[in-house]
Amino acid sequence: MRRIPLLASAALGVALGGPISVVWAQQPAQDPRSPVAVTATQKAFILGQMRRFVVAIQQIDEGLAEKDKAKAVAAARSRGMKAMRAMTDKPKGLEDAMSPEWKRRGVDTHMGFDAIADAVEQNKSTDEILGMLGATTKNCVACHQSYRLVAPDPTAH
């Protein structure tokens, strides 16, 4: 554990003449999320896909704010089911590494992005679309709270 930030905070508190109140956030001794064993190539692919989701969310938000329907639709479709099925760079064995629950959440998320694109095209209200985006990204939050990527155990058979 690094003590330098704690000491620096205490010294700053004393120097400023204020009360010393330091909150030290501890990581849990063990990560309670389920480990998902993936190769380095699979991990890079998964993290790349996650980053693309974040970019799409930003572009949807921006498109809605700018009243740029085409931008919002394109961003949502880029993460929809058709885009998922068109991926040709999925690493070998990736599907086997994912649990049925992870896969279900993934499909639900892609379908949610398609529904968002449909809603924009149907001129649904921005509030309704943002509500759909919030509901869809709950899958992201649930997955990140449930799973962690780990290297495969080399001793496992």
Protein backbone atom coordinates (compact mmCIF):
# COMPACT_ATOMS: atom_id res chain seq x y z
CA MET A 1 0.00 0.00 0.00
CA ARG A 2 1.34 3.43 -0.88
CA ARG A 3 1.60 5.76 2.11
CA ILE A 4 2.93 8.84 0.29
CA PRO A 5 -0.53 10.21 -0.66
CA LEU A 6 -1.71 9.69 2.91
CA LEU A 7 1.31 11.50 4.35
CA ALA A 8 1.05 14.29 1.76
CA SER A 9 -2.64 14.76 2.59
CA ALA A 10 -1.93 14.85 6.30
CA ALA A 11 0.91 17.35 5.82
CA LEU A 12 -1.32 19.56 3.67
CA GLY A 13 -4.06 19.46 6.29
CA VAL A 14 -1.63 20.47 9.03
CA ALA A 15 -0.07 23.20 6.84
CA LEU A 16 -3.49 24.68 6.12
CA GLY A 17 -4.39 24.58 9.80
CA GLY A 18 -7.52 22.58 9.16
CA PRO A 19 -8.71 19.34 10.61
CA ILE A 20 -7.11 16.25 9.17
CA SER A 21 -9.71 14.03 7.59
CA VAL A 22 -8.37 11.55 5.14
CA VAL A 23 -10.45 8.96 3.39
CA TRP A 24 -8.34 6.12 2.10
CA ALA A 25 -10.20 4.03 -0.46
CA GLN A 26 -9.17 0.43 -0.12
CA GLN A 27 -9.56 -2.09 -2.88
CA PRO A 28 -11.34 -5.21 -1.70
CA ALA A 29 -8.97 -8.05 -0.90
CA GLN A 30 -10.61 -10.09 -3.64
CA ASP A 31 -12.53 -8.94 -6.68
CA PRO A 32 -16.01 -10.47 -6.30
CA ARG A 33 -16.72 -10.41 -10.04
CA SER A 34 -16.67 -13.68 -11.97
CA PRO A 35 -13.42 -14.23 -13.82
CA VAL A 36 -13.62 -14.74 -17.57
CA ALA A 37 -10.47 -16.37 -18.93
CA VAL A 38 -9.51 -14.86 -22.28
CA THR A 39 -6.38 -14.74 -24.37
CA ALA A 40 -4.57 -11.44 -24.92
CA THR A 41 -6.07 -11.26 -28.42
CA GLN A 42 -9.59 -11.89 -27.11
CA LYS A 43 -9.11 -9.29 -24.36
CA ALA A 44 -7.92 -6.68 -26.86
CA PHE A 45 -10.97 -7.39 -29.03
CA ILE A 46 -13.42 -7.17 -26.10
CA LEU A 47 -11.91 -3.92 -24.82
CA GLY A 48 -11.96 -2.48 -28.34
CA GLN A 49 -15.65 -3.31 -28.63
CA MET A 50 -16.32 -1.66 -25.28
CA ARG A 51 -14.55 1.49 -26.42
CA ARG A 52 -16.69 1.51 -29.57
CA PHE A 53 -19.81 1.40 -27.38
CA VAL A 54 -18.58 4.42 -25.43
CA VAL A 55 -17.89 6.31 -28.67
CA ALA A 56 -21.36 5.41 -29.99
CA ILE A 57 -23.01 6.63 -26.77
CA GLN A 58 -21.14 9.93 -27.05
CA GLN A 59 -22.11 10.30 -30.72
CA ILE A 60 -25.76 9.52 -29.98
CA ASP A 61 -25.80 12.13 -27.22
CA GLU A 62 -24.10 14.67 -29.46
CA GLY A 63 -26.40 13.89 -32.38
CA LEU A 64 -29.46 14.38 -30.18
CA ALA A 65 -28.10 17.61 -28.71
CA GLU A 66 -27.30 18.98 -32.17
CA LYS A 67 -30.60 17.70 -33.60
CA ASP A 68 -28.48 15.73 -36.08
CA LYS A 69 -30.71 12.72 -36.60
CA ALA A 70 -28.38 11.07 -39.13
CA LYS A 71 -25.45 11.20 -36.70
CA ALA A 72 -27.46 9.64 -33.87
CA VAL A 73 -28.87 6.91 -36.11
CA ALA A 74 -25.48 6.06 -37.61
CA ALA A 75 -23.90 5.84 -34.16
CA ALA A 76 -26.66 3.60 -32.83
CA ARG A 77 -26.64 1.35 -35.91
CA SER A 78 -22.86 0.99 -35.60
CA ARG A 79 -23.49 -1.00 -32.40
CA GLY A 80 -26.66 -2.79 -33.48
CA MET A 81 -27.25 -6.45 -34.36
CA LYS A 82 -26.42 -6.10 -38.05
CA ALA A 83 -23.05 -4.56 -37.17
CA MET A 84 -22.44 -7.32 -34.62
CA ARG A 85 -23.19 -10.04 -37.18
CA ALA A 86 -20.95 -8.35 -39.75
CA MET A 87 -17.87 -8.48 -37.50
CA THR A 88 -15.25 -10.60 -39.20
CA ASP A 89 -12.42 -10.04 -36.75
CA LYS A 90 -13.78 -11.97 -33.77
CA PRO A 91 -10.92 -13.95 -32.26
CA LYS A 92 -11.15 -17.72 -32.32
CA GLY A 93 -12.69 -19.20 -29.18
CA LEU A 94 -14.24 -15.94 -28.00
CA GLU A 95 -17.80 -17.29 -27.96
CA ASP A 96 -16.68 -20.23 -25.80
CA ALA A 97 -15.12 -17.87 -23.23
CA MET A 98 -18.37 -15.96 -22.65
CA SER A 99 -21.04 -17.21 -20.28
CA PRO A 100 -24.65 -17.54 -21.50
CA GLU A 101 -25.55 -14.51 -19.34
CA TRP A 102 -22.78 -12.40 -20.89
CA LYS A 103 -23.95 -13.39 -24.36
CA ARG A 104 -27.57 -12.56 -23.49
CA ARG A 105 -26.62 -9.14 -22.17
CA GLY A 106 -24.51 -8.54 -25.27
CA VAL A 107 -27.37 -9.38 -27.62
CA ASP A 108 -29.79 -7.29 -25.54
CA THR A 109 -27.36 -4.37 -25.74
CA HIS A 110 -26.98 -4.62 -29.52
CA MET A 111 -30.77 -4.87 -29.87
CA GLY A 112 -31.13 -1.83 -27.61
CA PHE A 113 -28.92 0.20 -29.94
CA ASP A 114 -31.08 -0.88 -32.90
CA ALA A 115 -34.19 0.22 -30.98
CA ILE A 116 -32.54 3.58 -30.30
CA ALA A 117 -31.81 4.04 -34.01
CA ASP A 118 -35.42 3.11 -34.82
CA ALA A 119 -36.72 5.59 -32.25
CA VAL A 120 -34.62 8.41 -33.70
CA GLU A 121 -35.85 7.57 -37.20
CA GLN A 122 -39.44 7.57 -35.91
CA ASN A 123 -38.92 11.04 -34.42
CA LYS A 124 -39.51 9.90 -30.86
CA SER A 125 -38.81 12.56 -28.24
CA THR A 126 -35.26 13.13 -27.06
CA ASP A 127 -36.37 12.30 -23.52
CA GLU A 128 -37.72 8.93 -24.67
CA ILE A 129 -34.55 8.17 -26.62
CA LEU A 130 -32.32 9.13 -23.70
CA GLY A 131 -34.44 6.87 -21.50
CA MET A 132 -33.85 4.03 -23.95
CA LEU A 133 -30.12 4.76 -23.96
CA GLY A 134 -30.08 4.69 -20.16
CA ALA A 135 -31.94 1.38 -20.11
CA THR A 136 -29.60 -0.10 -22.69
CA THR A 137 -26.45 0.97 -20.90
CA LYS A 138 -27.68 -0.76 -17.75
CA ASN A 139 -26.50 -3.91 -19.52
CA CYS A 140 -23.01 -2.41 -19.71
CA VAL A 141 -23.04 -1.58 -16.02
CA ALA A 142 -24.38 -5.02 -15.05
CA CYS A 143 -21.71 -6.76 -17.10
CA HIS A 144 -18.88 -4.65 -15.69
CA GLN A 145 -20.17 -5.34 -12.19
CA SER A 146 -20.41 -9.08 -12.87
CA TYR A 147 -17.29 -10.01 -14.83
CA ARG A 148 -13.57 -9.37 -15.01
CA LEU A 149 -11.19 -10.47 -17.73
CA VAL A 150 -8.30 -12.69 -16.65
CA ALA A 151 -5.55 -14.59 -18.39
CA PRO A 152 -6.19 -18.30 -18.84
CA ASP A 153 -4.76 -20.55 -16.14
CA PRO A 154 -1.80 -22.29 -17.79
CA THR A 155 -2.15 -25.26 -15.41
CA ALA A 156 -5.79 -25.90 -16.31
CA HIS A 157 -6.46 -28.83 -18.61
